[in-house]
Amino acid sequence: MTQQSPVAGYTHEAAYDSDHLPVGSIHEVYYEQYGKRDGLPVIFLHGGPGGGTNPGCAKFFDPAVYRVVLMDQRGVGKSRPRNELRENTTHHLSDDIERLREHLGIGKWHMVFGGSWGSTLGLFYAQAHPDRVGSLVLRGVFTVRKSELIYGDVPSAALFFPQQWEQFIAYLPEDERSDPMNAYYARITSEDREVSYAAAREWNRWDLSAGTLVPDLDALEELKDDEWNLTHALFEAHYLFRHAAWLEDGELLFPANMEKIKDIPGAIVQGRYDLVCPPVTAWEVHKAWPKSSLHWVGDAGHSASEPGTTAKLTQVCDELAKL
């Protein structure tokens, strides 16, 4: 039986399908399907990079209407092999969405849904395959511009969380603090697990500190999980700091690229006080995307789990189901 709360979203039964799909010569991506078997197909793109999916990711979609596909990106979650960085770029992830669509016999996604890093991947995929995207929902919009990163010399989030930023920097020896990103990357990728786990924990402590408008102490429980810590920090550092997601600075907002999605309807949901993915990016994407609606959540930061954000995402997915 379908159950819905305007705050908590929808309740789903257990996945009716799950498997690993071989992609390339190294990787197998894990996927699950929920909801209505012949419903409107939607793919959920998780954040990070380095995150993953769980059954709760399906809560934004009415199970009486949507066929919900959750996919763990290469090297993370239940995809295999874990933490593998070879053949692992933004372009590979976009290609995997296409391979999964074809594997599942889906002619066109009714919706592509992505939050945070998932919004980056959603935009990239929609620009690469606009004919395969019926609608697009972005939350906590992120385009990997240098100005958006919370890791850098002095990121904007440090102005609001100075104590946490100082803790992040102070973890490093004094002679390495002038180049903290390289210092952290060297430690996170160390073959000494004691070194990599400890550095990853501090990397994620900073990341999580700015995630919600009201501090979420439960989120810090994840810092106790060494494997989660390492994967999350490794992929963030590798994708965002080391390689800028293999994108030119501002590439996703280039007029020629935004032109490719001008006919795709969709919605942007953005926490007004998002310090991880600055709201200015949501505004700039909205202005360049004529068929988008922009919804500010006045009592939220970055997390999709904040009540106002969950409620608005559920609402826009209900509305887009009527297309």
Protein backbone atom coordinates (compact mmCIF):
# COMPACT_ATOMS: atom_id res chain seq x y z
CA MET A 1 0.00 0.00 0.00
CA THR A 2 1.30 3.45 -0.95
CA GLN A 3 1.97 5.71 1.99
CA GLN A 4 2.96 9.34 1.79
CA SER A 5 3.92 12.11 4.16
CA PRO A 6 4.51 15.61 2.80
CA VAL A 7 7.71 15.70 4.87
CA ALA A 8 8.98 12.13 4.78
CA GLY A 9 8.10 11.25 1.18
CA TYR A 10 6.84 7.87 0.02
CA THR A 11 7.31 4.43 1.55
CA HIS A 12 8.37 1.68 -0.86
CA GLU A 13 8.28 -2.08 -0.65
CA ALA A 14 11.58 -3.93 -1.06
CA ALA A 15 13.35 -3.74 -4.43
CA TYR A 16 11.78 -6.07 -6.98
CA ASP A 17 15.03 -6.36 -8.92
CA SER A 18 18.76 -5.95 -8.24
CA ASP A 19 21.90 -6.96 -10.11
CA HIS A 20 25.38 -6.00 -11.27
CA LEU A 21 25.85 -4.75 -14.84
CA PRO A 22 29.34 -5.17 -16.37
CA VAL A 23 30.60 -1.89 -17.85
CA GLY A 24 33.98 -1.64 -19.52
CA SER A 25 36.81 -4.03 -18.77
CA ILE A 26 37.03 -3.52 -15.02
CA HIS A 27 33.77 -2.37 -13.46
CA GLU A 28 30.35 -3.77 -12.62
CA VAL A 29 27.77 -1.21 -11.50
CA TYR A 30 25.11 -2.23 -9.02
CA TYR A 31 21.47 -1.26 -9.51
CA GLU A 32 18.09 -1.80 -7.87
CA GLN A 33 14.52 -1.19 -9.04
CA TYR A 34 11.56 -0.10 -6.94
CA GLY A 35 7.95 0.92 -7.46
CA LYS A 36 5.76 0.12 -10.45
CA ARG A 37 7.33 -2.32 -12.91
CA ASP A 38 5.71 -0.66 -15.91
CA GLY A 39 5.71 2.82 -14.41
CA LEU A 40 7.39 6.04 -15.51
CA PRO A 41 11.14 5.29 -15.47
CA VAL A 42 13.28 7.55 -13.29
CA ILE A 43 16.96 7.17 -12.49
CA PHE A 44 18.31 8.49 -9.19
CA LEU A 45 21.89 9.79 -9.34
CA HIS A 46 23.57 9.89 -5.94
CA GLY A 47 25.96 12.47 -4.58
CA GLY A 48 29.57 12.50 -3.55
CA PRO A 49 31.31 11.61 -5.70
CA GLY A 50 31.91 8.66 -3.45
CA GLY A 51 28.38 8.32 -2.10
CA GLY A 52 26.00 5.52 -2.96
CA THR A 53 22.34 4.58 -2.89
CA ASN A 54 20.10 3.02 -0.29
CA PRO A 55 16.37 2.16 -0.30
CA GLY A 56 15.53 5.57 1.17
CA CYS A 57 16.63 7.22 -2.07
CA ALA A 58 13.34 6.06 -3.63
CA LYS A 59 11.20 8.10 -1.20
CA PHE A 60 10.70 11.05 -3.55
CA PHE A 61 8.80 8.97 -6.11
CA ASP A 62 5.23 7.66 -5.91
CA PRO A 63 5.52 3.84 -6.18
CA ALA A 64 2.09 3.70 -7.81
CA VAL A 65 3.41 5.85 -10.67
CA TYR A 66 7.19 5.56 -10.98
CA ARG A 67 9.60 2.78 -11.89
CA VAL A 68 12.57 3.85 -9.77
CA VAL A 69 16.11 2.86 -10.77
CA LEU A 70 18.91 3.37 -8.23
CA MET A 71 22.49 2.98 -9.48
CA ASP A 72 25.74 2.96 -7.51
CA GLN A 73 28.41 4.69 -9.57
CA ARG A 74 31.68 2.99 -10.46
CA GLY A 75 33.83 2.03 -7.49
CA VAL A 76 31.33 2.96 -4.76
CA GLY A 77 28.42 1.46 -2.86
CA LYS A 78 27.81 -2.13 -3.96
CA SER A 79 29.49 -1.64 -7.34
CA ARG A 80 32.60 -3.72 -7.98
CA PRO A 81 35.55 -3.40 -7.47
CA ARG A 82 35.29 -0.89 -4.66
CA ASN A 83 37.56 2.18 -4.68
CA GLU A 84 38.83 1.44 -8.21
CA LEU A 85 39.86 4.70 -9.90
CA ARG A 86 40.94 3.31 -13.25
CA GLU A 87 38.42 3.85 -16.08
CA ASN A 88 36.48 6.05 -13.69
CA THR A 89 35.62 9.54 -14.98
CA THR A 90 32.52 11.67 -15.41
CA HIS A 91 32.32 10.50 -19.02
CA HIS A 92 32.39 6.86 -17.93
CA LEU A 93 29.58 7.45 -15.43
CA SER A 94 27.42 9.12 -18.06
CA ASP A 95 28.01 6.20 -20.43
CA ASP A 96 26.96 3.82 -17.65
CA ILE A 97 23.57 5.53 -17.39
CA GLU A 98 23.07 4.86 -21.10
CA ARG A 99 24.17 1.24 -20.79
CA LEU A 100 21.82 0.68 -17.88
CA ARG A 101 18.92 2.32 -19.76
CA GLU A 102 19.50 -0.01 -22.70
CA HIS A 103 19.99 -3.04 -20.44
CA LEU A 104 16.64 -2.39 -18.74
CA GLY A 105 14.83 -1.87 -22.04
CA ILE A 106 13.93 1.74 -21.28
CA GLY A 107 13.48 3.84 -24.40
CA LYS A 108 13.65 7.17 -22.61
CA TRP A 109 13.89 8.23 -18.98
CA HIS A 110 10.75 10.02 -17.87
CA MET A 111 13.00 11.71 -15.33
CA VAL A 112 16.66 12.05 -14.46
CA PHE A 113 16.99 13.05 -10.78
CA GLY A 114 20.29 14.14 -9.24
CA GLY A 115 21.39 15.93 -6.10
CA SER A 116 24.75 17.56 -5.30
CA TRP A 117 27.33 15.63 -7.36
CA GLY A 118 24.33 13.81 -8.83
CA SER A 119 23.13 17.16 -10.22
CA THR A 120 26.50 17.52 -11.97
CA LEU A 121 26.18 14.09 -13.50
CA GLY A 122 22.52 14.70 -14.36
CA LEU A 123 23.36 17.90 -16.22
CA PHE A 124 26.27 16.24 -18.00
CA TYR A 125 24.17 13.26 -19.06
CA ALA A 126 21.23 15.42 -20.18
CA GLN A 127 23.54 17.57 -22.31
CA ALA A 128 25.10 14.44 -23.83
CA HIS A 129 21.77 12.66 -24.44
CA PRO A 130 18.94 15.23 -24.45
CA ASP A 131 16.75 12.90 -26.52
CA ARG A 132 16.80 10.34 -23.69
CA VAL A 133 15.66 12.72 -20.94
CA GLY A 134 11.97 13.52 -20.51
CA SER A 135 12.46 15.74 -17.48
CA LEU A 136 15.27 16.74 -15.14
CA VAL A 137 15.26 17.42 -11.39
CA LEU A 138 18.33 18.95 -9.74
CA ARG A 139 18.88 19.46 -6.01
CA GLY A 140 21.79 21.30 -4.39
CA VAL A 141 23.14 22.26 -7.79
CA PHE A 142 26.86 21.78 -8.38
CA THR A 143 28.84 22.34 -11.60
CA VAL A 144 32.39 21.80 -10.22
CA ARG A 145 33.56 25.36 -10.84
CA LYS A 146 36.50 26.35 -8.67
CA SER A 147 34.33 29.01 -7.04
CA GLU A 148 31.90 26.34 -5.82
CA LEU A 149 34.30 23.98 -4.06
CA ILE A 150 34.31 23.85 -0.27
CA TYR A 151 37.91 22.67 -0.46
CA GLY A 152 40.41 25.36 -1.40
CA ASP A 153 42.49 28.16 0.03
CA VAL A 154 39.69 29.61 2.17
CA PRO A 155 36.28 28.37 0.96
CA SER A 156 33.13 30.34 1.67
CA ALA A 157 31.93 27.68 4.12
CA ALA A 158 34.96 28.44 6.29
CA LEU A 159 33.52 31.91 6.96
CA PHE A 160 30.57 30.24 8.68
CA PHE A 161 32.39 27.26 10.19
CA PRO A 162 35.80 28.72 11.11
CA GLN A 163 36.43 26.34 14.00
CA GLN A 164 35.79 23.28 11.82
CA TRP A 165 37.96 24.67 9.00
CA GLU A 166 40.81 25.34 11.41
CA GLN A 167 40.50 21.75 12.65
CA PHE A 168 40.68 20.53 9.05
CA ILE A 169 43.88 22.50 8.42
CA ALA A 170 45.43 21.83 11.84
CA TYR A 171 45.35 18.08 11.21
CA LEU A 172 48.27 18.57 8.82
CA PRO A 173 51.88 19.26 9.84
CA GLU A 174 52.56 22.99 9.83
CA ASP A 175 54.94 22.82 6.86
CA GLU A 176 52.16 21.26 4.68
CA ARG A 177 49.32 23.63 5.50
CA SER A 178 50.08 26.00 2.64
CA ASP A 179 48.95 23.27 0.20
CA PRO A 180 46.33 21.31 2.16
CA MET A 181 44.65 19.62 -0.81
CA ASN A 182 47.82 17.92 -2.03
CA ALA A 183 48.74 17.01 1.52
CA TYR A 184 45.35 15.40 2.15
CA TYR A 185 45.34 13.64 -1.23
CA ALA A 186 48.73 12.07 -0.53
CA ARG A 187 47.46 10.75 2.79
CA ILE A 188 44.07 9.55 1.53
CA THR A 189 45.76 7.57 -1.26
CA SER A 190 48.47 6.16 1.03
CA GLU A 191 48.89 2.39 1.03
CA ASP A 192 49.17 2.59 4.82
CA ARG A 193 45.56 2.10 5.91
CA GLU A 194 46.15 3.76 9.27
CA VAL A 195 47.25 6.93 7.43
CA SER A 196 44.51 6.86 4.78
CA TYR A 197 41.68 6.14 7.24
CA ALA A 198 42.73 8.95 9.57
CA ALA A 199 43.04 11.53 6.77
CA ALA A 200 39.74 10.46 5.23
CA ARG A 201 38.02 10.85 8.58
CA GLU A 202 39.18 14.45 8.90
CA TRP A 203 38.29 15.21 5.27
CA ASN A 204 34.74 13.98 5.84
CA ARG A 205 34.42 15.68 9.22
CA TRP A 206 34.83 19.00 7.43
CA ASP A 207 32.49 17.97 4.61
CA LEU A 208 29.72 16.89 6.99
CA SER A 209 30.02 19.94 9.24
CA ALA A 210 28.50 22.22 6.60
CA GLY A 211 25.84 19.86 5.27
CA THR A 212 22.71 21.05 7.08
CA LEU A 213 21.27 24.31 8.33
CA VAL A 214 20.81 22.83 11.82
CA PRO A 215 23.83 20.70 12.87
CA ASP A 216 23.11 17.01 12.32
CA LEU A 217 25.04 15.10 14.94
CA ASP A 218 23.71 11.78 13.61
CA ALA A 219 25.53 12.38 10.31
CA LEU A 220 28.83 12.39 12.20
CA GLU A 221 28.20 8.75 13.12
CA GLU A 222 29.40 7.88 9.61
CA LEU A 223 32.88 8.97 10.67
CA LYS A 224 33.11 5.73 12.66
CA ASP A 225 32.92 3.67 9.45
CA ASP A 226 36.46 3.49 8.04
CA GLU A 227 35.45 2.02 4.68
CA TRP A 228 32.73 4.64 4.09
CA ASN A 229 35.17 7.36 5.09
CA LEU A 230 37.85 6.19 2.70
CA THR A 231 35.56 5.78 -0.32
CA HIS A 232 33.84 9.13 0.18
CA ALA A 233 37.06 11.08 0.69
CA LEU A 234 38.98 9.22 -2.03
CA PHE A 235 36.42 9.95 -4.75
CA GLU A 236 35.81 13.54 -3.71
CA ALA A 237 39.52 14.26 -3.67
CA HIS A 238 40.19 12.39 -6.92
CA TYR A 239 37.23 13.65 -8.93
CA LEU A 240 36.87 17.21 -7.66
CA PHE A 241 40.31 18.32 -6.51
CA ARG A 242 42.64 16.23 -8.64
CA HIS A 243 40.73 16.27 -11.93
CA ALA A 244 37.96 18.92 -11.70
CA ALA A 245 35.61 16.17 -12.90
CA TRP A 246 37.41 16.22 -16.26
CA LEU A 247 35.49 19.40 -17.14
CA GLU A 248 36.59 22.86 -18.15
CA ASP A 249 35.80 25.41 -15.45
CA GLY A 250 32.16 26.35 -16.04
CA GLU A 251 31.72 23.88 -18.90
CA LEU A 252 28.24 22.74 -17.90
CA LEU A 253 27.05 26.36 -17.99
CA PHE A 254 28.54 27.19 -21.39
CA PRO A 255 25.67 28.61 -23.51
CA ALA A 256 26.20 25.98 -26.19
CA ASN A 257 25.78 23.21 -23.60
CA MET A 258 22.76 24.73 -21.86
CA GLU A 259 21.18 25.16 -25.30
CA LYS A 260 21.12 21.36 -25.60
CA ILE A 261 18.60 21.02 -22.73
CA LYS A 262 16.46 24.09 -23.52
CA ASP A 263 13.44 21.93 -24.40
CA ILE A 264 13.65 19.62 -21.38
CA PRO A 265 11.20 20.55 -18.60
CA GLY A 266 12.36 20.29 -15.04
CA ALA A 267 12.81 21.68 -11.56
CA ILE A 268 15.60 22.92 -9.33
CA VAL A 269 15.25 22.55 -5.54
CA GLN A 270 17.83 24.49 -3.58
CA GLY A 271 18.36 25.06 0.14
CA ARG A 272 18.63 28.80 0.68
CA TYR A 273 21.50 28.33 3.14
CA ASP A 274 23.43 25.64 1.27
CA LEU A 275 27.12 26.16 2.08
CA VAL A 276 28.31 23.02 0.28
CA CYS A 277 26.85 23.91 -3.14
CA PRO A 278 26.34 27.70 -3.18
CA PRO A 279 22.81 28.79 -4.22
CA VAL A 280 24.20 31.17 -6.85
CA THR A 281 24.83 28.15 -9.07
CA ALA A 282 21.18 27.08 -8.91
CA TRP A 283 20.20 30.61 -9.91
CA GLU A 284 22.61 30.67 -12.85
CA VAL A 285 21.46 27.27 -14.11
CA HIS A 286 17.83 28.35 -13.81
CA LYS A 287 18.44 31.53 -15.81
CA ALA A 288 20.14 29.53 -18.57
CA TRP A 289 17.49 26.78 -18.66
CA PRO A 290 14.18 28.22 -19.90
CA LYS A 291 11.94 25.26 -19.00
CA SER A 292 13.10 25.00 -15.40
CA SER A 293 11.27 26.06 -12.25
CA LEU A 294 13.33 27.12 -9.24
CA HIS A 295 12.20 26.32 -5.71
CA TRP A 296 14.04 27.88 -2.77
CA VAL A 297 13.76 26.04 0.54
CA GLY A 298 14.02 28.76 3.14
CA ASP A 299 14.83 26.56 6.13
CA ALA A 300 17.41 24.22 4.62
CA GLY A 301 21.08 23.83 3.84
CA HIS A 302 22.52 21.19 1.53
CA SER A 303 21.09 17.87 2.65
CA ALA A 304 18.21 16.19 0.81
CA SER A 305 17.01 14.84 4.16
CA GLU A 306 16.12 18.24 5.59
CA PRO A 307 12.30 18.28 5.92
CA GLY A 308 11.59 21.24 3.66
CA THR A 309 13.81 19.87 0.91
CA THR A 310 12.34 16.36 1.08
CA ALA A 311 8.82 17.79 0.91
CA LYS A 312 9.56 20.03 -2.07
CA LEU A 313 11.38 17.28 -4.00
CA THR A 314 8.44 14.94 -3.46
CA GLN A 315 6.04 17.64 -4.66
CA VAL A 316 7.93 18.41 -7.86
CA CYS A 317 8.25 14.70 -8.70
CA ASP A 318 4.48 14.34 -8.24
CA GLU A 319 3.92 17.28 -10.57
CA LEU A 320 6.36 16.06 -13.23
CA ALA A 321 4.66 12.66 -13.23
CA LYS A 322 1.77 14.39 -15.02
CA LEU A 323 3.85 15.29 -18.07
